[in-house]
C-alpha cells in the first residue's frame, strides 16, 4: 500500500487531499468517525423536521455536501481495513 492514498471523491491527476496510510489506526478511525457522525447528525436533524420545502437544486447541493465527508470516511475505513488485513498476514 502506498504511503499516501488520494481521496476517491476528488478527481484530479495531482491529488491535493490524501490519507497517510501509515498513520496509527486510532487516528484514522477518529477521522472517519468524525466525518460519518457529522453526516449522520445532519441527516437525523433533517429527518425530524416537520416540514421540508426545498427545490431540486438545494437538495442536490445538500446531497453533495453530505457525500463528500461520507466518502472521505469510507476511504479512511478502507485504509483501516487494509491495515488490519495486513497485520493478520
N, C-alpha and C. Protein backbone atom coordinates (compact mmCIF):
# COMPACT_ATOMS: atom_id res chain seq x y z
N UNK A 1 0.86 -1.17 0.00
CA UNK A 1 0.00 0.00 0.00
C UNK A 1 0.90 1.23 0.00
N UNK A 2 0.59 2.17 -0.89
CA UNK A 2 1.35 3.42 -0.94
C UNK A 2 1.16 4.21 0.34
N UNK A 3 2.16 5.02 0.68
CA UNK A 3 2.09 5.80 1.92
C UNK A 3 0.92 6.77 1.89
N UNK A 4 0.71 7.45 0.78
CA UNK A 4 -0.36 8.44 0.68
C UNK A 4 -1.39 7.98 -0.34
N UNK A 5 -2.63 7.85 0.10
CA UNK A 5 -3.72 7.43 -0.76
C UNK A 5 -4.61 8.65 -1.02
N UNK A 6 -4.82 9.00 -2.29
CA UNK A 6 -5.72 10.13 -2.57
C UNK A 6 -7.16 9.80 -2.21
N UNK A 7 -7.88 10.82 -1.78
CA UNK A 7 -9.31 10.64 -1.51
C UNK A 7 -10.02 10.34 -2.83
N UNK A 8 -10.92 9.39 -2.80
CA UNK A 8 -11.57 8.98 -4.06
C UNK A 8 -12.62 9.96 -4.53
N UNK A 9 -13.12 10.80 -3.66
CA UNK A 9 -14.15 11.75 -4.04
C UNK A 9 -13.62 12.97 -4.75
N UNK A 10 -12.31 13.06 -4.93
CA UNK A 10 -11.71 14.25 -5.54
C UNK A 10 -10.97 13.83 -6.80
N UNK A 11 -11.58 14.07 -7.96
CA UNK A 11 -10.97 13.69 -9.22
C UNK A 11 -9.92 14.71 -9.63
N UNK A 12 -8.68 14.27 -9.67
CA UNK A 12 -7.59 15.15 -10.09
C UNK A 12 -6.39 14.29 -10.43
N UNK A 13 -5.62 14.74 -11.41
CA UNK A 13 -4.41 13.99 -11.75
C UNK A 13 -3.33 14.17 -10.68
N UNK A 14 -3.37 15.29 -9.98
CA UNK A 14 -2.45 15.54 -8.87
C UNK A 14 -3.31 15.74 -7.62
N UNK A 15 -3.41 14.71 -6.78
CA UNK A 15 -4.29 14.83 -5.61
C UNK A 15 -3.77 15.83 -4.59
N UNK A 16 -4.68 16.66 -4.11
CA UNK A 16 -4.33 17.65 -3.08
C UNK A 16 -4.70 17.14 -1.70
N UNK A 17 -5.66 16.23 -1.63
CA UNK A 17 -6.12 15.68 -0.37
C UNK A 17 -5.81 14.19 -0.35
N UNK A 18 -5.04 13.78 0.65
CA UNK A 18 -4.61 12.39 0.73
C UNK A 18 -4.75 11.87 2.16
N UNK A 19 -4.73 10.56 2.29
CA UNK A 19 -4.73 9.89 3.59
C UNK A 19 -3.35 9.30 3.79
N UNK A 20 -2.77 9.55 4.94
CA UNK A 20 -1.49 8.93 5.29
C UNK A 20 -1.79 7.52 5.77
N UNK A 21 -1.51 6.53 4.93
CA UNK A 21 -1.85 5.16 5.26
C UNK A 21 -0.98 4.59 6.39
N UNK A 22 0.07 5.32 6.76
CA UNK A 22 0.92 4.86 7.86
C UNK A 22 0.55 5.51 9.19
N UNK A 23 -0.51 6.31 9.18
CA UNK A 23 -0.99 6.91 10.43
C UNK A 23 -1.51 5.79 11.32
N UNK A 24 -1.46 5.98 12.64
CA UNK A 24 -1.99 4.96 13.55
C UNK A 24 -3.48 4.71 13.30
N UNK A 25 -3.90 3.48 13.52
CA UNK A 25 -5.30 3.09 13.27
C UNK A 25 -6.26 3.96 14.07
N UNK A 26 -5.93 4.29 15.32
CA UNK A 26 -6.85 5.09 16.13
C UNK A 26 -7.03 6.49 15.55
N UNK A 27 -5.99 7.04 14.95
CA UNK A 27 -6.08 8.36 14.33
C UNK A 27 -6.96 8.29 13.07
N UNK A 28 -6.76 7.25 12.27
CA UNK A 28 -7.59 7.06 11.08
C UNK A 28 -9.05 6.85 11.46
N UNK A 29 -9.27 6.05 12.50
CA UNK A 29 -10.63 5.77 12.96
C UNK A 29 -11.32 7.05 13.45
N UNK A 30 -10.62 7.84 14.25
CA UNK A 30 -11.20 9.09 14.74
C UNK A 30 -11.60 10.02 13.59
N UNK A 31 -10.74 10.10 12.58
CA UNK A 31 -11.05 10.95 11.42
C UNK A 31 -12.27 10.44 10.67
N UNK A 32 -12.36 9.11 10.50
CA UNK A 32 -13.52 8.52 9.81
C UNK A 32 -14.79 8.73 10.62
N UNK A 33 -14.70 8.43 11.91
CA UNK A 33 -15.88 8.56 12.78
C UNK A 33 -16.40 9.99 12.82
N UNK A 34 -15.51 10.96 12.87
CA UNK A 34 -15.91 12.36 12.91
C UNK A 34 -16.72 12.73 11.68
N UNK A 35 -16.24 12.32 10.52
CA UNK A 35 -16.93 12.66 9.27
C UNK A 35 -18.28 11.93 9.16
N UNK A 36 -18.30 10.66 9.51
CA UNK A 36 -19.53 9.89 9.41
C UNK A 36 -20.56 10.38 10.42
N UNK A 37 -20.12 10.71 11.64
CA UNK A 37 -21.06 11.24 12.64
C UNK A 37 -21.63 12.59 12.22
N UNK A 38 -20.82 13.43 11.60
CA UNK A 38 -21.31 14.74 11.16
C UNK A 38 -22.43 14.58 10.13
N UNK A 39 -22.24 13.68 9.18
CA UNK A 39 -23.27 13.42 8.18
C UNK A 39 -24.51 12.82 8.84
N UNK A 40 -24.31 11.86 9.74
CA UNK A 40 -25.42 11.23 10.43
C UNK A 40 -26.23 12.25 11.23
N UNK A 41 -25.54 13.12 11.95
CA UNK A 41 -26.23 14.13 12.77
C UNK A 41 -27.07 15.06 11.90
N UNK A 42 -26.51 15.49 10.78
CA UNK A 42 -27.26 16.36 9.88
C UNK A 42 -28.49 15.65 9.34
N UNK A 43 -28.32 14.41 8.88
CA UNK A 43 -29.45 13.66 8.33
C UNK A 43 -30.53 13.40 9.37
N UNK A 44 -30.12 13.12 10.61
CA UNK A 44 -31.11 12.92 11.67
C UNK A 44 -31.87 14.21 11.96
N UNK A 45 -31.17 15.32 11.99
CA UNK A 45 -31.84 16.61 12.21
C UNK A 45 -32.82 16.90 11.07
N UNK A 46 -32.42 16.61 9.86
CA UNK A 46 -33.27 16.85 8.71
C UNK A 46 -34.50 15.93 8.74
N UNK A 47 -34.29 14.69 9.14
CA UNK A 47 -35.39 13.71 9.16
C UNK A 47 -36.45 14.07 10.19
N UNK A 48 -36.08 14.71 11.27
CA UNK A 48 -37.03 15.02 12.33
C UNK A 48 -37.71 16.38 12.16
N UNK A 49 -37.37 17.07 11.09
CA UNK A 49 -38.06 18.34 10.82
C UNK A 49 -39.47 18.03 10.33
N UNK A 50 -40.41 18.83 10.76
CA UNK A 50 -41.80 18.59 10.38
C UNK A 50 -42.08 18.98 8.93
N UNK A 51 -41.42 20.02 8.48
CA UNK A 51 -41.69 20.47 7.13
C UNK A 51 -40.37 20.78 6.44
N UNK A 52 -40.20 20.21 5.27
CA UNK A 52 -39.02 20.48 4.46
C UNK A 52 -39.50 20.96 3.11
N UNK A 53 -39.17 22.18 2.79
CA UNK A 53 -39.53 22.70 1.48
C UNK A 53 -38.25 23.16 0.79
N UNK A 54 -37.85 22.41 -0.20
CA UNK A 54 -36.63 22.72 -0.94
C UNK A 54 -36.84 22.39 -2.40
N UNK A 55 -36.13 23.12 -3.23
CA UNK A 55 -36.20 22.79 -4.65
C UNK A 55 -35.10 21.79 -4.98
N UNK A 56 -35.09 21.31 -6.20
CA UNK A 56 -34.16 20.26 -6.62
C UNK A 56 -32.72 20.70 -6.51
N UNK A 57 -32.44 21.98 -6.77
CA UNK A 57 -31.06 22.48 -6.70
C UNK A 57 -30.55 22.42 -5.27
N UNK A 58 -31.37 22.83 -4.33
CA UNK A 58 -30.97 22.79 -2.92
C UNK A 58 -30.76 21.36 -2.46
N UNK A 59 -31.65 20.47 -2.84
CA UNK A 59 -31.50 19.06 -2.46
C UNK A 59 -30.23 18.47 -3.07
N UNK A 60 -29.92 18.83 -4.30
CA UNK A 60 -28.68 18.37 -4.94
C UNK A 60 -27.48 18.88 -4.17
N UNK A 61 -27.50 20.15 -3.77
CA UNK A 61 -26.39 20.72 -3.01
C UNK A 61 -26.23 20.03 -1.65
N UNK A 62 -27.34 19.74 -0.98
CA UNK A 62 -27.29 19.02 0.29
C UNK A 62 -26.68 17.63 0.09
N UNK A 63 -27.11 16.95 -0.96
CA UNK A 63 -26.59 15.60 -1.22
C UNK A 63 -25.09 15.64 -1.45
N UNK A 64 -24.62 16.61 -2.21
CA UNK A 64 -23.18 16.75 -2.46
C UNK A 64 -22.45 17.09 -1.18
N UNK A 65 -23.01 18.00 -0.41
CA UNK A 65 -22.41 18.40 0.86
C UNK A 65 -22.23 17.21 1.79
N UNK A 66 -23.19 16.31 1.81
CA UNK A 66 -23.12 15.14 2.69
C UNK A 66 -22.28 14.01 2.09
N UNK A 67 -22.25 13.92 0.78
CA UNK A 67 -21.49 12.85 0.14
C UNK A 67 -19.99 13.01 0.33
N UNK A 68 -19.51 14.24 0.38
CA UNK A 68 -18.06 14.48 0.49
C UNK A 68 -17.50 13.91 1.79
N UNK A 69 -17.99 14.31 2.97
CA UNK A 69 -17.41 13.72 4.19
C UNK A 69 -17.73 12.24 4.35
N UNK A 70 -18.87 11.79 3.81
CA UNK A 70 -19.20 10.38 3.89
C UNK A 70 -18.22 9.55 3.07
N UNK A 71 -17.89 10.00 1.87
CA UNK A 71 -16.91 9.32 1.02
C UNK A 71 -15.54 9.34 1.70
N UNK A 72 -15.15 10.47 2.28
CA UNK A 72 -13.87 10.55 3.00
C UNK A 72 -13.83 9.53 4.13
N UNK A 73 -14.92 9.44 4.89
CA UNK A 73 -14.98 8.47 5.98
C UNK A 73 -14.86 7.05 5.48
N UNK A 74 -15.49 6.74 4.36
CA UNK A 74 -15.38 5.40 3.78
C UNK A 74 -13.96 5.13 3.31
N UNK A 75 -13.30 6.11 2.72
CA UNK A 75 -11.90 5.95 2.32
C UNK A 75 -11.02 5.65 3.53
N UNK A 76 -11.25 6.35 4.62
CA UNK A 76 -10.48 6.11 5.84
C UNK A 76 -10.74 4.71 6.38
N UNK A 77 -11.99 4.28 6.38
CA UNK A 77 -12.31 2.92 6.82
C UNK A 77 -11.66 1.88 5.92
N UNK A 78 -11.55 2.16 4.63
CA UNK A 78 -10.88 1.26 3.70
C UNK A 78 -9.40 1.10 4.07
N UNK A 79 -8.75 2.20 4.41
CA UNK A 79 -7.35 2.14 4.82
C UNK A 79 -7.21 1.32 6.10
N UNK A 80 -8.12 1.55 7.06
CA UNK A 80 -8.09 0.79 8.31
C UNK A 80 -8.24 -0.71 8.02
N UNK A 81 -9.17 -1.06 7.16
CA UNK A 81 -9.40 -2.45 6.81
C UNK A 81 -8.15 -3.07 6.19
N UNK A 82 -7.51 -2.36 5.29
CA UNK A 82 -6.29 -2.87 4.66
C UNK A 82 -5.17 -3.05 5.68
N UNK A 83 -5.05 -2.08 6.60
CA UNK A 83 -4.02 -2.19 7.63
C UNK A 83 -4.27 -3.40 8.53
N UNK A 84 -5.52 -3.61 8.90
CA UNK A 84 -5.84 -4.74 9.77
C UNK A 84 -5.64 -6.07 9.04
N UNK A 85 -5.97 -6.12 7.75
CA UNK A 85 -5.75 -7.34 6.97
C UNK A 85 -4.27 -7.65 6.84
N UNK A 86 -3.46 -6.63 6.67
CA UNK A 86 -2.02 -6.87 6.52
C UNK A 86 -1.38 -7.31 7.85
N UNK A 87 -1.99 -6.91 8.96
CA UNK A 87 -1.48 -7.34 10.28
C UNK A 87 -1.81 -8.80 10.53
N UNK A 88 -2.92 -9.28 9.97
CA UNK A 88 -3.30 -10.68 10.15
C UNK A 88 -2.40 -11.64 9.37
N UNK A 89 -1.78 -11.12 8.31
CA UNK A 89 -0.94 -11.98 7.45
C UNK A 89 0.39 -12.28 8.08
